């Protein structure tokens, strides 16, 4: 089930990535390059030529590191799928967790009102100490 949940989110991400990378990003980048290039040429033609000479090394580094980033992203997606499967498998054991949590209610029933009084006193002490610490400037709110 975790694998299916991971595929649903992964498929939506894949469609978004394909549309973004094949349609939107190239058009947006072409418009940006043409408009910035025209403005730069109007300001300083020699500086614009110098900037254009820096483009090939930047493209080479982007293609080199892009492959590494894609591999790292694939590993991350696989790890997230395994984690989703584990969380789904672990959440199916909710009855055991609920039974374990009921132990505190059994303790409260055995101690009666003393348990609630102790919990209220502890909560009040923590609130008071926190307010004093914030007031004295040792911690920020």
Protein backbone atom coordinates (compact mmCIF):
# COMPACT_ATOMS: atom_id res chain seq x y z
CA UNK A 1 0.00 0.00 0.00
CA UNK A 2 2.87 2.38 0.78
CA UNK A 3 4.30 1.75 -2.65
CA UNK A 4 0.94 2.66 -4.24
CA UNK A 5 0.74 5.88 -2.18
CA UNK A 6 4.26 6.76 -3.19
CA UNK A 7 3.43 6.14 -6.86
CA UNK A 8 0.41 8.48 -6.74
CA UNK A 9 2.49 11.37 -5.45
CA UNK A 10 5.41 10.36 -7.66
CA UNK A 11 3.26 10.27 -10.79
CA UNK A 12 1.89 13.76 -10.16
CA UNK A 13 5.43 14.98 -9.53
CA UNK A 14 6.61 13.32 -12.76
CA UNK A 15 3.91 14.97 -14.89
CA UNK A 16 4.69 18.35 -13.34
CA UNK A 17 8.42 17.86 -13.93
CA UNK A 18 7.97 16.83 -17.57
CA UNK A 19 5.68 19.76 -18.39
CA UNK A 20 7.91 22.19 -16.52
CA UNK A 21 11.16 20.96 -18.06
CA UNK A 22 9.95 20.46 -21.64
CA UNK A 23 7.52 23.33 -22.15
CA UNK A 24 7.61 26.07 -19.56
CA UNK A 25 11.29 26.33 -18.59
CA UNK A 26 12.73 26.53 -22.13
CA UNK A 27 10.26 29.20 -23.21
CA UNK A 28 10.82 31.20 -20.05
CA UNK A 29 14.62 30.94 -20.33
CA UNK A 30 14.65 31.92 -24.01
CA UNK A 31 12.59 35.03 -23.30
CA UNK A 32 14.86 35.88 -20.39
CA UNK A 33 18.06 35.46 -22.41
CA UNK A 34 16.78 37.55 -25.32
CA UNK A 35 15.50 40.38 -23.13
CA UNK A 36 18.56 40.51 -20.85
CA UNK A 37 20.88 40.21 -23.86
CA UNK A 38 19.19 43.13 -25.62
CA UNK A 39 19.35 45.31 -22.53
CA UNK A 40 22.98 44.37 -21.86
CA UNK A 41 23.94 45.14 -25.47
CA UNK A 42 22.39 48.60 -25.14
CA UNK A 43 24.37 49.24 -21.95
CA UNK A 44 27.78 47.86 -22.98
CA UNK A 45 28.48 45.73 -26.08
CA UNK A 46 32.02 44.65 -24.99
CA UNK A 47 30.80 43.51 -21.57
CA UNK A 48 27.93 41.64 -23.22
CA UNK A 49 30.41 39.74 -25.43
CA UNK A 50 32.48 38.87 -22.35
CA UNK A 51 29.39 37.49 -20.62
CA UNK A 52 28.51 35.45 -23.72
CA UNK A 53 31.99 33.87 -23.59
CA UNK A 54 31.24 32.63 -20.05
CA UNK A 55 28.13 30.76 -21.19
CA UNK A 56 29.81 27.58 -22.58
CA UNK A 57 31.63 26.70 -19.31
CA UNK A 58 28.42 27.30 -17.38
CA UNK A 59 26.49 24.98 -19.69
CA UNK A 60 29.17 22.30 -19.33
CA UNK A 61 29.10 22.47 -15.53
CA UNK A 62 25.30 22.39 -15.49
CA UNK A 63 25.22 19.23 -17.61
CA UNK A 64 27.95 17.56 -15.50
CA UNK A 65 26.38 18.30 -12.12
CA UNK A 66 22.85 17.80 -13.45
CA UNK A 67 23.48 14.08 -13.91
CA UNK A 68 24.69 13.77 -10.31
CA UNK A 69 21.70 15.70 -8.99
CA UNK A 70 19.27 13.48 -10.92
CA UNK A 71 20.86 10.36 -9.45
CA UNK A 72 20.68 11.80 -5.94
CA UNK A 73 17.02 12.69 -6.45
CA UNK A 74 16.25 9.16 -7.63
CA UNK A 75 17.87 7.70 -4.51
CA UNK A 76 15.86 10.14 -2.37
CA UNK A 77 12.58 9.12 -4.04
CA UNK A 78 13.34 5.43 -3.51
CA UNK A 79 14.12 6.04 0.16
CA UNK A 80 10.89 8.00 0.56
CA UNK A 81 8.93 5.13 -1.02
CA UNK A 82 10.47 2.68 1.46
CA UNK A 83 9.67 5.05 4.33
CA UNK A 84 6.06 5.46 3.17
CA UNK A 85 5.67 1.68 2.98
CA UNK A 86 7.12 1.29 6.47
CA UNK A 87 4.86 3.98 7.95
CA UNK A 88 1.80 2.39 6.36
CA UNK A 89 2.80 -1.04 7.65
CA UNK A 90 3.50 0.38 11.10
CA UNK A 91 0.19 2.29 11.23
CA UNK A 92 -1.69 -0.97 10.76
CA UNK A 93 -0.59 -1.91 14.28
CA UNK A 94 -2.66 0.88 15.85
CA UNK A 95 -4.56 -1.45 18.18
CA UNK A 96 -1.32 -2.46 19.93
CA UNK A 97 -0.31 1.18 20.34
CA UNK A 98 -3.77 2.09 21.66
CA UNK A 99 -3.69 -0.78 24.16
CA UNK A 100 -0.27 0.35 25.37
CA UNK A 101 -1.46 3.96 25.77
CA UNK A 102 -4.42 2.81 27.88
CA UNK A 103 -1.94 1.94 30.65
CA UNK A 104 -1.87 5.57 31.80
CA UNK A 105 -5.65 5.55 32.15
CA UNK A 106 -5.42 2.40 34.29
CA UNK A 107 -2.85 4.16 36.48
CA UNK A 108 -5.14 7.19 36.80
CA UNK A 109 -8.04 4.95 37.84
CA UNK A 110 -5.87 3.23 40.48
CA UNK A 111 -4.59 6.49 41.96
CA UNK A 112 -7.91 8.29 41.71
CA UNK A 113 -7.82 12.06 42.09
CA UNK A 114 -4.17 12.07 43.20
CA UNK A 115 -3.01 11.26 39.65
CA UNK A 116 -4.88 14.19 38.13
CA UNK A 117 -3.67 16.52 40.89
CA UNK A 118 -0.07 15.43 40.30
CA UNK A 119 -0.39 15.99 36.54
CA UNK A 120 -1.95 19.43 37.06
CA UNK A 121 0.81 20.37 39.52
CA UNK A 122 3.52 19.21 37.07
CA UNK A 123 1.95 21.12 34.17
CA UNK A 124 1.66 24.26 36.29
CA UNK A 125 5.30 23.97 37.42
CA UNK A 126 6.53 23.61 33.83
CA UNK A 127 4.46 26.62 32.74
CA UNK A 128 5.71 28.73 35.65
CA UNK A 129 9.36 27.80 35.07
CA UNK A 130 9.00 28.50 31.36
CA UNK A 131 7.45 31.92 32.00
CA UNK A 132 10.24 32.79 34.46
CA UNK A 133 12.92 31.70 31.97
CA UNK A 134 11.36 33.78 29.18
CA UNK A 135 10.88 36.76 31.47
CA UNK A 136 14.51 36.66 32.62
CA UNK A 137 15.66 36.68 28.99
CA UNK A 138 17.37 33.27 29.00
CA UNK A 139 15.01 31.97 26.30
CA UNK A 140 12.95 33.67 23.64
CA UNK A 141 9.24 33.12 23.17
